Amino acid sequence: MLLQPFVFTSCGGDEPDVTNPDGTENNGGGYEGLDIVITGDTAPKGIQFRRINETDFMLNYVTYGIRDGHLNVIGCDDIEITATLKGEVKLFSSITLDGEKYIVREIGKKAFYKCGLRRIEIPNTVERIGEYAFYECDLRRIEIPNSVKRISYSVFYGCVNLEYCKLPNKLTFISTECFYKCLNLTSIDIPNTVIGLGDYAFYGCSKLKNIIIPDLVEYIYREAFCGCVNLVTVVCGKSLSEIGENVFYGCTNLREFYFFSQDMPRFGTNSLKKIDKLPLSCYCLPEYYDNYLKTIGSGYISTFDKYNNVQYYFTKNYLKTFDPKTLQL
């Protein structure tokens, strides 16, 4: 019997480190950004510029602010970005103002909050993206450069048209509500450096079909994939030890779990509730079969009440082995 096909891939990990001229890490390429020099209140031809106060100014309808010796993106003019720029923004990597050069390091909290932003190019000088930065934006696709080390919570919350997101290859945590109700997100490559998935990280991502959990991920917090109704296959990496409450609640098409770890993860309450169609099969590497059999021999998950008419999902009847190279049972 041949398993349902899926590809064992994840992003990041093996790309060579590259250093940009300003000392920031590029780590495999990306948008190098634009440099600009402002003299007084005069910008180069074709560039829209307006001072707001001593530290803040608007450049091509994006507001930058001088913070701790560098620049943060702190806001935008939604009307002009939508009408004039047709939803497309290209951030600057450095701006020279009054003879002082500043590097753009951060996209700040609520920078593009509920903006009609459809496409953005982020320079590889940016190291952090703040909470709610793209909350309910109209983004379709986004590539986050490998210079970004931290993505705060709810960054893409409610971006219902987002289909694709490239995550940076040194990200260690996918934050709470990061892709909450991104209804058109069809796939996601979780970087090999990630060690945990936050609460509601992919909640309601109804077009996700397959999820591969990289080897360093140790925990998946509550409701991370709750309501992913088209999720079929989950591949668990070697380090996964805990799956929180309601993580796969309502994933009604989920059929297959693959385990590369020596021990099966602990499942939280209702983590697999409302998976209506049997059988849900548990596949493991042959060398761990006996160990798993002892773990689930009398039933592994028993969170279903009498109204579900299911006492256990994982029993010895559903435990199978597979060859990870050929995907052959």
Protein backbone atom coordinates (compact mmCIF):
# COMPACT_ATOMS: atom_id res chain seq x y z
CA MET A 1 0.00 0.00 0.00
CA LEU A 2 1.37 3.42 -0.96
CA LEU A 3 0.84 6.37 1.35
CA GLN A 4 -0.92 9.51 0.27
CA PRO A 5 1.82 11.64 -1.36
CA PHE A 6 3.38 14.60 0.37
CA VAL A 7 6.82 16.19 0.27
CA PHE A 8 9.16 16.27 3.25
CA THR A 9 10.44 19.82 2.96
CA SER A 10 10.96 22.82 5.17
CA CYS A 11 12.60 26.16 4.56
CA GLY A 12 15.74 27.83 5.74
CA GLY A 13 18.34 25.85 7.61
CA ASP A 14 21.05 25.18 5.07
CA GLU A 15 21.36 28.51 3.28
CA PRO A 16 24.80 30.17 3.56
CA ASP A 17 25.20 33.28 5.68
CA VAL A 18 25.93 36.46 3.74
CA THR A 19 26.81 39.80 5.28
CA ASN A 20 25.48 43.02 3.78
CA PRO A 21 27.68 46.12 3.43
CA ASP A 22 26.05 47.72 6.51
CA GLY A 23 26.93 44.70 8.66
CA THR A 24 23.49 43.09 8.75
CA GLU A 25 23.04 39.44 7.91
CA ASN A 26 21.44 38.63 4.58
CA ASN A 27 21.53 34.83 4.98
CA GLY A 28 20.72 33.76 1.48
CA GLY A 29 19.50 36.81 -0.38
CA GLY A 30 16.42 38.98 -0.43
CA TYR A 31 15.46 42.55 -1.22
CA GLU A 32 18.48 44.80 -0.69
CA GLY A 33 16.31 47.89 -0.29
CA LEU A 34 16.55 51.51 -1.37
CA ASP A 35 18.79 54.23 0.03
CA ILE A 36 17.74 57.88 -0.08
CA VAL A 37 19.18 61.23 0.96
CA ILE A 38 16.85 64.01 2.15
CA THR A 39 18.24 67.54 2.14
CA GLY A 40 16.20 69.91 4.31
CA ASP A 41 12.64 69.30 3.17
CA THR A 42 13.65 68.28 -0.33
CA ALA A 43 13.56 64.70 -1.56
CA PRO A 44 14.70 63.39 -4.94
CA LYS A 45 12.29 63.81 -7.79
CA GLY A 46 9.39 61.38 -7.74
CA ILE A 47 9.63 60.74 -3.99
CA GLN A 48 6.82 62.00 -1.76
CA PHE A 49 8.22 63.41 1.52
CA ARG A 50 6.65 65.22 4.49
CA ARG A 51 8.04 66.00 7.95
CA ILE A 52 5.69 65.32 10.86
CA ASN A 53 7.89 66.36 13.78
CA GLU A 54 11.55 66.23 14.82
CA THR A 55 11.72 62.43 14.72
CA ASP A 56 8.89 61.31 12.44
CA PHE A 57 8.32 61.79 8.73
CA MET A 58 6.38 60.30 5.83
CA LEU A 59 8.09 58.94 2.75
CA ASN A 60 6.00 57.58 -0.13
CA TYR A 61 2.99 57.41 2.21
CA VAL A 62 4.83 55.26 4.77
CA THR A 63 5.65 56.85 8.14
CA TYR A 64 9.13 56.31 9.58
CA GLY A 65 10.30 57.28 13.05
CA ILE A 66 13.78 57.67 14.50
CA ARG A 67 14.04 55.34 17.51
CA ASP A 68 17.24 54.49 19.43
CA GLY A 69 19.47 55.60 16.58
CA HIS A 70 17.69 53.68 13.82
CA LEU A 71 14.42 53.86 11.91
CA ASN A 72 11.14 52.06 12.57
CA VAL A 73 8.19 51.91 10.22
CA ILE A 74 5.44 53.25 12.50
CA GLY A 75 2.42 53.89 10.25
CA CYS A 76 1.08 54.66 6.82
CA ASP A 77 -1.49 56.63 4.84
CA ASP A 78 -3.96 53.88 3.98
CA ILE A 79 -5.95 56.00 1.52
CA GLU A 80 -2.91 56.98 -0.56
CA ILE A 81 -1.39 53.48 -0.46
CA THR A 82 -4.65 52.05 -1.74
CA ALA A 83 -5.49 54.73 -4.30
CA THR A 84 -2.12 56.06 -5.48
CA LEU A 85 0.20 53.08 -4.98
CA LYS A 86 -2.46 50.47 -5.80
CA GLY A 87 -1.61 48.66 -2.60
CA GLU A 88 2.09 48.12 -3.42
CA VAL A 89 4.80 49.37 -1.05
CA LYS A 90 8.58 49.21 -1.25
CA LEU A 91 10.32 50.05 2.02
CA PHE A 92 13.61 51.94 2.21
CA SER A 93 16.60 50.26 3.82
CA SER A 94 18.38 53.48 4.81
CA ILE A 95 17.45 57.15 4.86
CA THR A 96 19.88 60.04 5.29
CA LEU A 97 18.19 62.93 7.04
CA ASP A 98 19.92 66.22 7.89
CA GLY A 99 23.27 64.60 7.14
CA GLU A 100 22.65 61.62 9.45
CA LYS A 101 22.19 58.15 7.96
CA TYR A 102 19.64 55.85 9.63
CA ILE A 103 19.08 52.16 8.93
CA VAL A 104 15.51 50.79 8.86
CA ARG A 105 15.49 48.04 11.51
CA GLU A 106 11.87 47.41 12.43
CA ILE A 107 8.31 47.33 11.18
CA GLY A 108 6.53 48.54 14.28
CA LYS A 109 3.29 47.77 16.07
CA LYS A 110 0.21 48.31 13.85
CA ALA A 111 2.36 49.84 11.10
CA PHE A 112 -0.03 48.73 8.34
CA TYR A 113 -3.05 48.01 10.56
CA LYS A 114 -6.17 47.37 8.43
CA CYS A 115 -4.41 48.83 5.39
CA GLY A 116 -5.31 48.05 1.78
CA LEU A 117 -1.75 46.79 1.37
CA ARG A 118 -1.57 44.08 -1.31
CA ARG A 119 2.19 43.67 -1.73
CA ILE A 120 5.23 44.81 0.23
CA GLU A 121 8.97 44.49 -0.28
CA ILE A 122 10.89 44.39 3.01
CA PRO A 123 14.62 45.21 2.96
CA ASN A 124 17.06 42.81 4.53
CA THR A 125 18.01 45.42 7.13
CA VAL A 126 14.77 44.76 9.03
CA GLU A 127 15.23 42.57 12.11
CA ARG A 128 11.85 42.65 13.83
CA ILE A 129 8.16 42.86 12.91
CA GLY A 130 5.89 44.17 15.67
CA GLU A 131 2.47 42.98 16.80
CA TYR A 132 -0.52 43.57 14.50
CA ALA A 133 1.86 44.97 11.85
CA PHE A 134 -0.24 43.63 8.94
CA TYR A 135 -3.50 43.06 10.83
CA GLU A 136 -6.38 42.51 8.37
CA CYS A 137 -4.34 43.75 5.41
CA ASP A 138 -5.17 42.77 1.84
CA LEU A 139 -1.86 40.97 1.34
CA ARG A 140 -1.69 38.17 -1.21
CA ARG A 141 1.95 37.11 -0.91
CA ILE A 142 4.84 38.18 1.29
CA GLU A 143 8.49 37.22 1.60
CA ILE A 144 10.08 38.04 4.94
CA PRO A 145 13.87 38.44 4.61
CA ASN A 146 16.17 36.19 6.58
CA SER A 147 17.44 39.19 8.55
CA VAL A 148 14.19 39.13 10.57
CA LYS A 149 14.75 37.32 13.86
CA ARG A 150 11.46 38.03 15.59
CA ILE A 151 7.85 38.17 14.41
CA SER A 152 5.49 39.30 17.16
CA TYR A 153 1.97 38.08 17.82
CA SER A 154 -1.03 38.60 15.51
CA VAL A 155 1.15 39.94 12.68
CA PHE A 156 -1.02 38.49 9.88
CA TYR A 157 -4.23 38.21 11.89
CA GLY A 158 -7.24 38.21 9.56
CA CYS A 159 -5.29 38.52 6.29
CA VAL A 160 -7.98 36.51 4.55
CA ASN A 161 -6.44 36.83 1.05
CA LEU A 162 -2.92 35.77 2.05
CA GLU A 163 -1.95 32.74 -0.05
CA TYR A 164 1.79 32.49 0.54
CA CYS A 165 4.29 33.61 3.17
CA LYS A 166 8.01 32.90 3.16
CA LEU A 167 9.26 32.86 6.73
CA PRO A 168 12.87 33.81 7.66
CA ASN A 169 15.25 30.91 8.07
CA LYS A 170 16.38 31.75 11.63
CA LEU A 171 12.95 32.21 13.19
CA THR A 172 12.65 30.32 16.48
CA PHE A 173 8.96 30.74 17.31
CA ILE A 174 5.74 31.20 15.36
CA SER A 175 3.86 33.58 17.58
CA THR A 176 0.34 33.61 18.97
CA GLU A 177 -2.33 34.24 16.31
CA CYS A 178 0.37 34.80 13.70
CA PHE A 179 -1.78 33.49 10.82
CA TYR A 180 -5.16 33.60 12.56
CA LYS A 181 -7.94 33.07 9.99
CA CYS A 182 -5.73 33.43 6.94
CA LEU A 183 -8.44 31.68 4.99
CA ASN A 184 -6.55 31.35 1.68
CA LEU A 185 -3.20 30.18 3.05
CA THR A 186 -2.69 26.91 1.16
CA SER A 187 0.70 25.83 2.52
CA ILE A 188 3.42 26.97 4.89
CA ASP A 189 7.07 25.94 5.22
CA ILE A 190 8.00 26.10 8.89
CA PRO A 191 11.74 26.88 9.21
CA ASN A 192 14.02 24.20 10.66
CA THR A 193 15.01 26.57 13.48
CA VAL A 194 11.51 26.86 15.00
CA ILE A 195 11.09 25.25 18.44
CA GLY A 196 7.43 26.09 19.15
CA LEU A 197 4.08 27.13 17.67
CA GLY A 198 2.02 29.63 19.66
CA ASP A 199 -1.65 29.64 20.64
CA TYR A 200 -3.99 29.92 17.64
CA ALA A 201 -0.98 30.23 15.30
CA PHE A 202 -2.88 28.82 12.28
CA TYR A 203 -6.39 28.94 13.71
CA GLY A 204 -9.06 28.70 10.99
CA CYS A 205 -6.61 28.38 8.07
CA SER A 206 -9.19 26.37 6.19
CA LYS A 207 -7.14 25.71 3.02
CA LEU A 208 -4.09 24.16 4.70
CA LYS A 209 -3.81 20.50 3.65
CA ASN A 210 -0.47 19.17 4.92
CA ILE A 211 1.70 20.30 7.83
CA ILE A 212 5.29 19.22 8.43
CA ILE A 213 6.57 19.93 11.94
CA PRO A 214 10.39 20.33 11.82
CA ASP A 215 12.69 18.36 14.08
CA LEU A 216 13.40 21.11 16.64
CA VAL A 217 9.74 21.85 17.44
CA GLU A 218 9.07 20.69 21.01
CA TYR A 219 5.54 21.96 21.62
CA ILE A 220 2.42 23.13 19.84
CA TYR A 221 0.26 25.35 22.00
CA ARG A 222 -3.52 25.31 22.24
CA GLU A 223 -5.76 25.55 19.17
CA ALA A 224 -2.78 26.11 16.87
CA PHE A 225 -4.54 24.32 13.98
CA CYS A 226 -8.09 24.44 15.31
CA GLY A 227 -10.64 24.67 12.50
CA CYS A 228 -8.23 23.74 9.69
CA VAL A 229 -11.01 21.75 8.08
CA ASN A 230 -9.03 20.60 5.02
CA LEU A 231 -5.95 19.44 6.91
CA VAL A 232 -5.27 15.82 5.90
CA THR A 233 -1.73 14.94 6.97
CA VAL A 234 0.47 15.92 9.93
CA VAL A 235 4.14 14.92 10.05
CA CYS A 236 5.71 15.29 13.51
CA GLY A 237 9.42 15.98 13.94
CA LYS A 238 11.81 14.19 16.26
CA SER A 239 11.53 16.58 19.23
CA LEU A 240 7.77 17.07 19.49
CA SER A 241 6.73 16.19 23.04
CA GLU A 242 3.51 18.11 23.67
CA ILE A 243 0.36 18.92 21.70
CA GLY A 244 -1.86 21.34 23.60
CA GLU A 245 -5.60 21.59 24.11
CA ASN A 246 -7.84 21.66 21.03
CA VAL A 247 -4.84 21.84 18.68
CA PHE A 248 -6.60 19.88 15.91
CA TYR A 249 -10.15 20.45 17.12
CA GLY A 250 -12.53 20.50 14.17
CA CYS A 251 -10.00 19.23 11.63
CA THR A 252 -12.66 17.00 10.16
CA ASN A 253 -10.59 15.69 7.24
CA LEU A 254 -7.48 14.80 9.23
CA ARG A 255 -6.51 11.19 8.49
CA GLU A 256 -2.83 10.60 9.15
CA PHE A 257 -0.20 11.31 11.81
CA TYR A 258 3.44 10.43 11.11
CA PHE A 259 5.91 10.25 13.99
CA PHE A 260 9.69 10.41 13.73
CA SER A 261 10.14 10.76 17.49
CA GLN A 262 11.00 7.91 19.82
CA ASP A 263 8.10 8.79 22.12
CA MET A 264 4.64 9.80 21.05
CA PRO A 265 3.73 13.38 22.09
CA ARG A 266 1.34 14.02 24.96
CA PHE A 267 -2.05 15.07 23.63
CA GLY A 268 -4.03 17.77 25.44
CA THR A 269 -7.75 17.71 26.13
CA ASN A 270 -9.88 17.59 23.00
CA SER A 271 -6.83 17.97 20.77
CA LEU A 272 -8.45 15.69 18.19
CA LYS A 273 -12.12 16.27 18.94
CA LYS A 274 -14.65 16.46 16.11
CA ILE A 275 -12.59 14.40 13.71
CA ASP A 276 -15.60 12.57 12.37
CA LYS A 277 -14.36 10.18 9.71
CA LEU A 278 -12.46 7.05 10.68
CA PRO A 279 -9.90 5.69 10.50
CA LEU A 280 -7.33 8.19 11.72
CA SER A 281 -4.06 6.29 11.34
CA CYS A 282 -0.85 6.65 13.29
CA TYR A 283 2.34 5.90 11.36
CA CYS A 284 5.74 5.54 13.01
CA LEU A 285 9.26 4.51 12.07
CA PRO A 286 9.76 0.73 12.34
CA GLU A 287 12.38 1.00 15.09
CA TYR A 288 9.85 2.71 17.38
CA TYR A 289 6.94 0.38 16.70
CA ASP A 290 7.27 -1.74 19.85
CA ASN A 291 7.67 1.33 22.04
CA TYR A 292 4.57 2.96 20.56
CA LEU A 293 2.63 -0.26 20.83
CA LYS A 294 3.24 -0.30 24.58
CA THR A 295 2.14 3.33 24.79
CA ILE A 296 -1.12 2.96 22.91
CA GLY A 297 -1.84 -0.72 23.41
CA SER A 298 -4.86 0.04 25.61
CA GLY A 299 -5.81 3.25 23.81
CA TYR A 300 -3.91 6.52 23.70
CA ILE A 301 -6.52 9.28 23.47
CA SER A 302 -9.70 9.02 25.52
CA THR A 303 -11.10 12.56 25.51
CA PHE A 304 -14.29 11.68 23.63
CA ASP A 305 -17.49 11.49 25.64
CA LYS A 306 -20.31 9.01 25.14
CA TYR A 307 -22.00 11.21 22.53
CA ASN A 308 -19.06 10.77 20.17
CA ASN A 309 -19.40 6.98 20.24
CA VAL A 310 -15.63 6.76 19.98
CA GLN A 311 -13.56 5.68 22.93
CA TYR A 312 -10.12 5.82 21.33
CA TYR A 313 -8.63 7.03 18.08
CA PHE A 314 -5.11 5.70 18.45
CA THR A 315 -5.16 2.00 19.29
CA LYS A 316 -2.91 -0.80 18.21
CA ASN A 317 -5.27 -1.36 15.27
CA TYR A 318 -4.32 2.02 13.82
CA LEU A 319 -0.59 1.84 14.49
CA LYS A 320 1.45 1.21 11.33
CA THR A 321 5.05 1.63 10.21
CA PHE A 322 6.38 3.32 7.09
CA ASP A 323 9.60 3.79 5.19
CA PRO A 324 10.36 7.55 5.18
CA LYS A 325 12.32 7.26 1.93
CA THR A 326 9.74 5.46 -0.16
CA LEU A 327 6.60 6.36 1.84
CA GLN A 328 5.79 2.65 1.61
CA LEU A 329 3.85 0.89 4.36
